[in-house]
Amino acid sequence: MSEPITVEIDQELCLGSGYCVRSAPTFFHLPDEVSELRTSVGEATSGPVDVAPDLLAAVRSAALVCPAAAIVVHEPNRVAD
């Protein structure tokens, strides 16, 4: 069985720019000055949180556009390109 893909936010690095919210609004939110993740039951956290397959592309995009590189996607079974 494969390990789940997870994401977390380093809130010490987060600039609160909101790019993640625009990339994946159902997964990220910006209640104050730092971004948070939403769990499957709607709770806020910095992570790690499992990523549903249908949200993976948006979460990867959010990590790529984060100007602080504060979003880390852990994909333990992904083979490097």
PDB file of N, CA and C in Angstrom:
ATOM      1  N   MET A   1       0.841  -1.177   0.000  1.00  0.00           N
ATOM      2  CA  MET A   1       0.000   0.000   0.000  1.00  0.00           C
ATOM      3  C   MET A   1       0.890   1.246   0.000  1.00  0.00           C
ATOM      4  N   SER A   2       0.525   2.227  -0.775  1.00  0.00           N
ATOM      5  CA  SER A   2       1.341   3.426  -0.868  1.00  0.00           C
ATOM      6  C   SER A   2       1.038   4.396   0.273  1.00  0.00           C
ATOM      7  N   GLU A   3       2.051   5.169   0.608  1.00  0.00           N
ATOM      8  CA  GLU A   3       1.889   6.182   1.651  1.00  0.00           C
ATOM      9  C   GLU A   3       1.095   7.357   1.099  1.00  0.00           C
ATOM     10  N   PRO A   4       0.334   8.037   1.949  1.00  0.00           N
ATOM     11  CA  PRO A   4      -0.459   9.172   1.461  1.00  0.00           C
ATOM     12  C   PRO A   4       0.429  10.364   1.093  1.00  0.00           C
ATOM     13  N   ILE A   5      -0.049  11.141   0.160  1.00  0.00           N
ATOM     14  CA  ILE A   5       0.598  12.404  -0.174  1.00  0.00           C
ATOM     15  C   ILE A   5       0.093  13.426   0.833  1.00  0.00           C
ATOM     16  N   THR A   6       1.008  14.168   1.419  1.00  0.00           N
ATOM     17  CA  THR A   6       0.631  15.160   2.427  1.00  0.00           C
ATOM     18  C   THR A   6       1.210  16.525   2.062  1.00  0.00           C
ATOM     19  N   VAL A   7       0.658  17.545   2.673  1.00  0.00           N
ATOM     20  CA  VAL A   7       1.146  18.909   2.485  1.00  0.00           C
ATOM     21  C   VAL A   7       1.190  19.595   3.842  1.00  0.00           C
ATOM     22  N   GLU A   8       2.141  20.489   3.991  1.00  0.00           N
ATOM     23  CA  GLU A   8       2.199  21.300   5.200  1.00  0.00           C
ATOM     24  C   GLU A   8       2.712  22.688   4.850  1.00  0.00           C
ATOM     25  N   ILE A   9       2.440  23.630   5.733  1.00  0.00           N
ATOM     26  CA  ILE A   9       2.873  25.010   5.554  1.00  0.00           C
ATOM     27  C   ILE A   9       3.824  25.369   6.683  1.00  0.00           C
ATOM     28  N   ASP A  10       4.974  25.895   6.312  1.00  0.00           N
ATOM     29  CA  ASP A  10       5.895  26.428   7.315  1.00  0.00           C
ATOM     30  C   ASP A  10       5.430  27.851   7.604  1.00  0.00           C
ATOM     31  N   GLN A  11       4.714  28.021   8.688  1.00  0.00           N
ATOM     32  CA  GLN A  11       4.123  29.317   8.993  1.00  0.00           C
ATOM     33  C   GLN A  11       5.161  30.361   9.395  1.00  0.00           C
ATOM     34  N   GLU A  12       6.368  29.930   9.711  1.00  0.00           N
ATOM     35  CA  GLU A  12       7.457  30.880   9.970  1.00  0.00           C
ATOM     36  C   GLU A  12       7.902  31.546   8.666  1.00  0.00           C
ATOM     37  N   LEU A  13       7.786  30.824   7.554  1.00  0.00           N
ATOM     38  CA  LEU A  13       8.184  31.358   6.247  1.00  0.00           C
ATOM     39  C   LEU A  13       7.055  32.076   5.523  1.00  0.00           C
ATOM     40  N   CYS A  14       5.811  31.715   5.826  1.00  0.00           N
ATOM     41  CA  CYS A  14       4.653  32.240   5.093  1.00  0.00           C
ATOM     42  C   CYS A  14       4.608  33.767   5.148  1.00  0.00           C
ATOM     43  N   LEU A  15       4.435  34.376   3.966  1.00  0.00           N
ATOM     44  CA  LEU A  15       4.341  35.833   3.855  1.00  0.00           C
ATOM     45  C   LEU A  15       2.901  36.327   3.837  1.00  0.00           C
ATOM     46  N   GLY A  16       1.943  35.398   3.737  1.00  0.00           N
ATOM     47  CA  GLY A  16       0.538  35.786   3.677  1.00  0.00           C
ATOM     48  C   GLY A  16       0.136  36.398   2.352  1.00  0.00           C
ATOM     49  N   SER A  17       0.829  36.036   1.285  1.00  0.00           N
ATOM     50  CA  SER A  17       0.554  36.625  -0.033  1.00  0.00           C
ATOM     51  C   SER A  17      -0.765  36.159  -0.642  1.00  0.00           C
ATOM     52  N   GLY A  18      -1.227  34.969  -0.253  1.00  0.00           N
ATOM     53  CA  GLY A  18      -2.511  34.468  -0.726  1.00  0.00           C
ATOM     54  C   GLY A  18      -2.490  33.740  -2.052  1.00  0.00           C
ATOM     55  N   TYR A  19      -1.320  33.542  -2.651  1.00  0.00           N
ATOM     56  CA  TYR A  19      -1.254  32.812  -3.915  1.00  0.00           C
ATOM     57  C   TYR A  19      -1.802  31.394  -3.767  1.00  0.00           C
ATOM     58  N   CYS A  20      -1.566  30.778  -2.639  1.00  0.00           N
ATOM     59  CA  CYS A  20      -2.056  29.419  -2.404  1.00  0.00           C
ATOM     60  C   CYS A  20      -3.581  29.379  -2.394  1.00  0.00           C
ATOM     61  N   VAL A  21      -4.192  30.390  -1.815  1.00  0.00           N
ATOM     62  CA  VAL A  21      -5.653  30.449  -1.746  1.00  0.00           C
ATOM     63  C   VAL A  21      -6.233  30.565  -3.149  1.00  0.00           C
ATOM     64  N   ARG A  22      -5.585  31.348  -4.002  1.00  0.00           N
ATOM     65  CA  ARG A  22      -6.059  31.472  -5.382  1.00  0.00           C
ATOM     66  C   ARG A  22      -5.859  30.178  -6.162  1.00  0.00           C
ATOM     67  N   SER A  23      -4.822  29.419  -5.848  1.00  0.00           N
ATOM     68  CA  SER A  23      -4.554  28.160  -6.548  1.00  0.00           C
ATOM     69  C   SER A  23      -5.470  27.034  -6.096  1.00  0.00           C
ATOM     70  N   ALA A  24      -5.748  26.966  -4.812  1.00  0.00           N
ATOM     71  CA  ALA A  24      -6.547  25.864  -4.254  1.00  0.00           C
ATOM     72  C   ALA A  24      -7.416  26.386  -3.111  1.00  0.00           C
ATOM     73  N   PRO A  25      -8.475  27.147  -3.432  1.00  0.00           N
ATOM     74  CA  PRO A  25      -9.280  27.788  -2.384  1.00  0.00           C
ATOM     75  C   PRO A  25     -10.017  26.832  -1.453  1.00  0.00           C
ATOM     76  N   THR A  26     -10.260  25.605  -1.890  1.00  0.00           N
ATOM     77  CA  THR A  26     -10.928  24.660  -0.992  1.00  0.00           C
ATOM     78  C   THR A  26      -9.956  24.033   0.005  1.00  0.00           C
ATOM     79  N   PHE A  27      -8.666  24.186  -0.242  1.00  0.00           N
ATOM     80  CA  PHE A  27      -7.655  23.540   0.587  1.00  0.00           C
ATOM     81  C   PHE A  27      -6.908  24.521   1.487  1.00  0.00           C
ATOM     82  N   PHE A  28      -6.663  25.731   0.991  1.00  0.00           N
ATOM     83  CA  PHE A  28      -5.929  26.752   1.735  1.00  0.00           C
ATOM     84  C   PHE A  28      -6.860  27.895   2.100  1.00  0.00           C
ATOM     85  N   HIS A  29      -6.590  28.544   3.216  1.00  0.00           N
ATOM     86  CA  HIS A  29      -7.289  29.787   3.523  1.00  0.00           C
ATOM     87  C   HIS A  29      -6.355  30.702   4.300  1.00  0.00           C
ATOM     88  N   LEU A  30      -6.697  31.974   4.301  1.00  0.00           N
ATOM     89  CA  LEU A  30      -5.834  32.998   4.872  1.00  0.00           C
ATOM     90  C   LEU A  30      -6.646  33.833   5.853  1.00  0.00           C
ATOM     91  N   PRO A  31      -6.849  33.310   7.080  1.00  0.00           N
ATOM     92  CA  PRO A  31      -7.700  34.011   8.036  1.00  0.00           C
ATOM     93  C   PRO A  31      -7.062  35.270   8.622  1.00  0.00           C
ATOM     94  N   ASP A  32      -5.770  35.266   8.752  1.00  0.00           N
ATOM     95  CA  ASP A  32      -5.063  36.416   9.323  1.00  0.00           C
ATOM     96  C   ASP A  32      -3.926  36.784   8.376  1.00  0.00           C
ATOM     97  N   GLU A  33      -2.725  36.708   8.854  1.00  0.00           N
ATOM     98  CA  GLU A  33      -1.574  37.073   8.032  1.00  0.00           C
ATOM     99  C   GLU A  33      -0.768  35.879   7.559  1.00  0.00           C
ATOM    100  N   VAL A  34      -1.145  34.672   7.960  1.00  0.00           N
ATOM    101  CA  VAL A  34      -0.466  33.470   7.484  1.00  0.00           C
ATOM    102  C   VAL A  34      -1.497  32.475   6.986  1.00  0.00           C
ATOM    103  N   SER A  35      -1.093  31.715   5.992  1.00  0.00           N
ATOM    104  CA  SER A  35      -1.990  30.740   5.388  1.00  0.00           C
ATOM    105  C   SER A  35      -2.146  29.519   6.288  1.00  0.00           C
ATOM    106  N   GLU A  36      -3.292  28.876   6.171  1.00  0.00           N
ATOM    107  CA  GLU A  36      -3.569  27.631   6.884  1.00  0.00           C
ATOM    108  C   GLU A  36      -4.167  26.635   5.901  1.00  0.00           C
ATOM    109  N   LEU A  37      -4.091  25.368   6.270  1.00  0.00           N
ATOM    110  CA  LEU A  37      -4.698  24.295   5.499  1.00  0.00           C
ATOM    111  C   LEU A  37      -6.044  23.957   6.100  1.00  0.00           C
ATOM    112  N   ARG A  38      -6.938  23.467   5.279  1.00  0.00           N
ATOM    113  CA  ARG A  38      -8.213  22.956   5.777  1.00  0.00           C
ATOM    114  C   ARG A  38      -8.170  21.437   5.710  1.00  0.00           C
ATOM    115  N   THR A  39      -8.511  20.796   6.806  1.00  0.00           N
ATOM    116  CA  THR A  39      -8.593  19.343   6.812  1.00  0.00           C
ATOM    117  C   THR A  39      -9.882  18.919   6.123  1.00  0.00           C
ATOM    118  N   SER A  40     -10.058  17.622   5.957  1.00  0.00           N
ATOM    119  CA  SER A  40     -11.263  17.110   5.295  1.00  0.00           C
ATOM    120  C   SER A  40     -12.531  17.428   6.074  1.00  0.00           C
ATOM    121  N   VAL A  41     -12.398  17.740   7.360  1.00  0.00           N
ATOM    122  CA  VAL A  41     -13.570  18.107   8.164  1.00  0.00           C
ATOM    123  C   VAL A  41     -13.630  19.611   8.420  1.00  0.00           C
ATOM    124  N   GLY A  42     -12.794  20.374   7.712  1.00  0.00           N
ATOM    125  CA  GLY A  42     -12.858  21.824   7.780  1.00  0.00           C
ATOM    126  C   GLY A  42     -12.062  22.487   8.880  1.00  0.00           C
ATOM    127  N   GLU A  43     -11.276  21.714   9.626  1.00  0.00           N
ATOM    128  CA  GLU A  43     -10.456  22.306  10.682  1.00  0.00           C
ATOM    129  C   GLU A  43      -9.221  22.963  10.077  1.00  0.00           C
ATOM    130  N   ALA A  44      -8.747  24.035  10.698  1.00  0.00           N
ATOM    131  CA  ALA A  44      -7.555  24.739  10.233  1.00  0.00           C
ATOM    132  C   ALA A  44      -6.312  24.184  10.919  1.00  0.00           C
ATOM    133  N   THR A  45      -5.228  24.048  10.157  1.00  0.00           N
ATOM    134  CA  THR A  45      -3.974  23.528  10.681  1.00  0.00           C
ATOM    135  C   THR A  45      -2.830  23.969   9.774  1.00  0.00           C
ATOM    136  N   SER A  46      -1.614  23.825  10.247  1.00  0.00           N
ATOM    137  CA  SER A  46      -0.455  24.067   9.388  1.00  0.00           C
ATOM    138  C   SER A  46       0.003  22.767   8.736  1.00  0.00           C
ATOM    139  N   GLY A  47      -0.560  21.640   9.204  1.00  0.00           N
ATOM    140  CA  GLY A  47      -0.287  20.356   8.570  1.00  0.00           C
ATOM    141  C   GLY A  47       0.539  19.455   9.457  1.00  0.00           C
ATOM    142  N   PRO A  48       0.897  18.317   8.958  1.00  0.00           N
ATOM    143  CA  PRO A  48       0.602  17.834   7.614  1.00  0.00           C
ATOM    144  C   PRO A  48      -0.841  17.365   7.466  1.00  0.00           C
ATOM    145  N   VAL A  49      -1.341  17.490   6.240  1.00  0.00           N
ATOM    146  CA  VAL A  49      -2.701  17.087   5.896  1.00  0.00           C
ATOM    147  C   VAL A  49      -2.627  16.220   4.647  1.00  0.00           C
ATOM    148  N   ASP A  50      -3.392  15.131   4.631  1.00  0.00           N
ATOM    149  CA  ASP A  50      -3.459  14.286   3.439  1.00  0.00           C
ATOM    150  C   ASP A  50      -4.102  15.053   2.294  1.00  0.00           C
ATOM    151  N   VAL A  51      -3.593  14.837   1.087  1.00  0.00           N
ATOM    152  CA  VAL A  51      -4.113  15.500  -0.104  1.00  0.00           C
ATOM    153  C   VAL A  51      -4.945  14.508  -0.903  1.00  0.00           C
ATOM    154  N   ALA A  52      -6.205  14.845  -1.153  1.00  0.00           N
ATOM    155  CA  ALA A  52      -7.072  14.010  -1.981  1.00  0.00           C
ATOM    156  C   ALA A  52      -6.568  14.063  -3.424  1.00  0.00           C
ATOM    157  N   PRO A  53      -6.661  12.953  -4.154  1.00  0.00           N
ATOM    158  CA  PRO A  53      -6.165  12.924  -5.535  1.00  0.00           C
ATOM    159  C   PRO A  53      -6.731  14.029  -6.426  1.00  0.00           C
ATOM    160  N   ASP A  54      -7.991  14.393  -6.226  1.00  0.00           N
ATOM    161  CA  ASP A  54      -8.589  15.425  -7.079  1.00  0.00           C
ATOM    162  C   ASP A  54      -8.071  16.829  -6.770  1.00  0.00           C
ATOM    163  N   LEU A  55      -7.375  17.015  -5.659  1.00  0.00           N
ATOM    164  CA  LEU A  55      -6.812  18.320  -5.297  1.00  0.00           C
ATOM    165  C   LEU A  55      -5.300  18.398  -5.499  1.00  0.00           C
ATOM    166  N   LEU A  56      -4.681  17.286  -5.862  1.00  0.00           N
ATOM    167  CA  LEU A  56      -3.224  17.230  -5.926  1.00  0.00           C
ATOM    168  C   LEU A  56      -2.639  18.244  -6.910  1.00  0.00           C
ATOM    169  N   ALA A  57      -3.199  18.371  -8.090  1.00  0.00           N
ATOM    170  CA  ALA A  57      -2.657  19.317  -9.078  1.00  0.00           C
ATOM    171  C   ALA A  57      -2.716  20.747  -8.550  1.00  0.00           C
ATOM    172  N   ALA A  58      -3.814  21.117  -7.918  1.00  0.00           N
ATOM    173  CA  ALA A  58      -3.957  22.474  -7.378  1.00  0.00           C
ATOM    174  C   ALA A  58      -2.994  22.709  -6.215  1.00  0.00           C
ATOM    175  N   VAL A  59      -2.796  21.702  -5.380  1.00  0.00           N
ATOM    176  CA  VAL A  59      -1.874  21.833  -4.244  1.00  0.00           C
ATOM    177  C   VAL A  59      -0.433  21.951  -4.744  1.00  0.00           C
ATOM    178  N   ARG A  60      -0.073  21.159  -5.754  1.00  0.00           N
ATOM    179  CA  ARG A  60       1.265  21.286  -6.348  1.00  0.00           C
ATOM    180  C   ARG A  60       1.466  22.689  -6.920  1.00  0.00           C
ATOM    181  N   SER A  61       0.443  23.192  -7.602  1.00  0.00           N
ATOM    182  CA  SER A  61       0.507  24.541  -8.177  1.00  0.00           C
ATOM    183  C   SER A  61       0.713  25.585  -7.083  1.00  0.00           C
ATOM    184  N   ALA A  62      -0.014  25.446  -5.984  1.00  0.00           N
ATOM    185  CA  ALA A  62       0.128  26.378  -4.861  1.00  0.00           C
ATOM    186  C   ALA A  62       1.555  26.369  -4.322  1.00  0.00           C
ATOM    187  N   ALA A  63       2.146  25.190  -4.217  1.00  0.00           N
ATOM    188  CA  ALA A  63       3.522  25.094  -3.728  1.00  0.00           C
ATOM    189  C   ALA A  63       4.491  25.775  -4.690  1.00  0.00           C
ATOM    190  N   LEU A  64       4.244  25.631  -5.979  1.00  0.00           N
ATOM    191  CA  LEU A  64       5.130  26.237  -6.975  1.00  0.00           C
ATOM    192  C   LEU A  64       5.057  27.759  -6.993  1.00  0.00           C
ATOM    193  N   VAL A  65       3.867  28.317  -6.774  1.00  0.00           N
ATOM    194  CA  VAL A  65       3.715  29.776  -6.856  1.00  0.00           C
ATOM    195  C   VAL A  65       3.962  30.487  -5.527  1.00  0.00           C
ATOM    196  N   CYS A  66       4.142  29.753  -4.461  1.00  0.00           N
ATOM    197  CA  CYS A  66       4.376  30.378  -3.151  1.00  0.00           C
ATOM    198  C   CYS A  66       5.701  31.147  -3.176  1.00  0.00           C
ATOM    199  N   PRO A  67       5.657  32.471  -3.014  1.00  0.00           N
ATOM    200  CA  PRO A  67       6.891  33.258  -3.091  1.00  0.00           C
ATOM    201  C   PRO A  67       7.876  32.988  -1.952  1.00  0.00           C
ATOM    202  N   ALA A  68       7.402  32.419  -0.865  1.00  0.00           N
ATOM    203  CA  ALA A  68       8.275  32.126   0.278  1.00  0.00           C
ATOM    204  C   ALA A  68       8.710  30.666   0.324  1.00  0.00           C
ATOM    205  N   ALA A  69       8.209  29.851  -0.616  1.00  0.00           N
ATOM    206  CA  ALA A  69       8.478  28.408  -0.605  1.00  0.00           C
ATOM    207  C   ALA A  69       8.091  27.803   0.744  1.00  0.00           C
ATOM    208  N   ALA A  70       6.969  28.265   1.283  1.00  0.00           N
ATOM    209  CA  ALA A  70       6.515  27.821   2.601  1.00  0.00           C
ATOM    210  C   ALA A  70       5.642  26.576   2.545  1.00  0.00           C
ATOM    211  N   ILE A  71       5.231  26.163   1.342  1.00  0.00           N
ATOM    212  CA  ILE A  71       4.354  25.002   1.189  1.00  0.00           C
ATOM    213  C   ILE A  71       5.195  23.814   0.751  1.00  0.00           C
ATOM    214  N   VAL A  72       5.103  22.729   1.508  1.00  0.00           N
ATOM    215  CA  VAL A  72       5.866  21.529   1.199  1.00  0.00           C
ATOM    216  C   VAL A  72       4.897  20.387   0.936  1.00  0.00           C
ATOM    217  N   VAL A  73       5.001  19.809  -0.264  1.00  0.00           N
ATOM    218  CA  VAL A  73       4.190  18.653  -0.634  1.00  0.00           C
ATOM    219  C   VAL A  73       5.083  17.428  -0.504  1.00  0.00           C
ATOM    220  N   HIS A  74       4.671  16.487   0.328  1.00  0.00           N
ATOM    221  CA  HIS A  74       5.430  15.248   0.544  1.00  0.00           C
ATOM    222  C   HIS A  74       4.795  14.148  -0.298  1.00  0.00           C
ATOM    223  N   GLU A  75       5.544  13.674  -1.291  1.00  0.00           N
ATOM    224  CA  GLU A  75       5.064  12.607  -2.164  1.00  0.00           C
ATOM    225  C   GLU A  75       6.043  11.440  -2.067  1.00  0.00           C
ATOM    226  N   PRO A  76       5.894  10.599  -1.042  1.00  0.00           N
ATOM    227  CA  PRO A  76       6.888   9.565  -0.766  1.00  0.00           C
ATOM    228  C   PRO A  76       7.066   8.535  -1.873  1.00  0.00           C
ATOM    229  N   ASN A  77       6.059   8.312  -2.695  1.00  0.00           N
ATOM    230  CA  ASN A  77       6.157   7.283  -3.727  1.00  0.00           C
ATOM    231  C   ASN A  77       6.408   7.844  -5.117  1.00  0.00           C
ATOM    232  N   ARG A  78       6.616   9.149  -5.223  1.00  0.00           N
ATOM    233  CA  ARG A  78       6.835   9.766  -6.528  1.00  0.00           C
ATOM    234  C   ARG A  78       8.283   9.565  -6.956  1.00  0.00           C
ATOM    235  N   VAL A  79       8.449   9.119  -8.188  1.00  0.00           N
ATOM    236  CA  VAL A  79       9.776   8.924  -8.747  1.00  0.00           C
ATOM    237  C   VAL A  79      10.233  10.254  -9.334  1.00  0.00           C
ATOM    238  N   ALA A  80      11.439  10.659  -9.007  1.00  0.00           N
ATOM    239  CA  ALA A  80      11.973  11.935  -9.508  1.00  0.00           C
ATOM    240  C   ALA A  80      12.100  11.890 -11.020  1.00  0.00           C
ATOM    241  N   ASP A  81      11.861  13.047 -11.640  1.00  0.00           N
ATOM    242  CA  ASP A  81      11.980  13.144 -13.102  1.00  0.00           C
ATOM    243  C   ASP A  81      13.418  13.069 -13.540  1.00  0.00           C
TER     244      ASP A  81
END
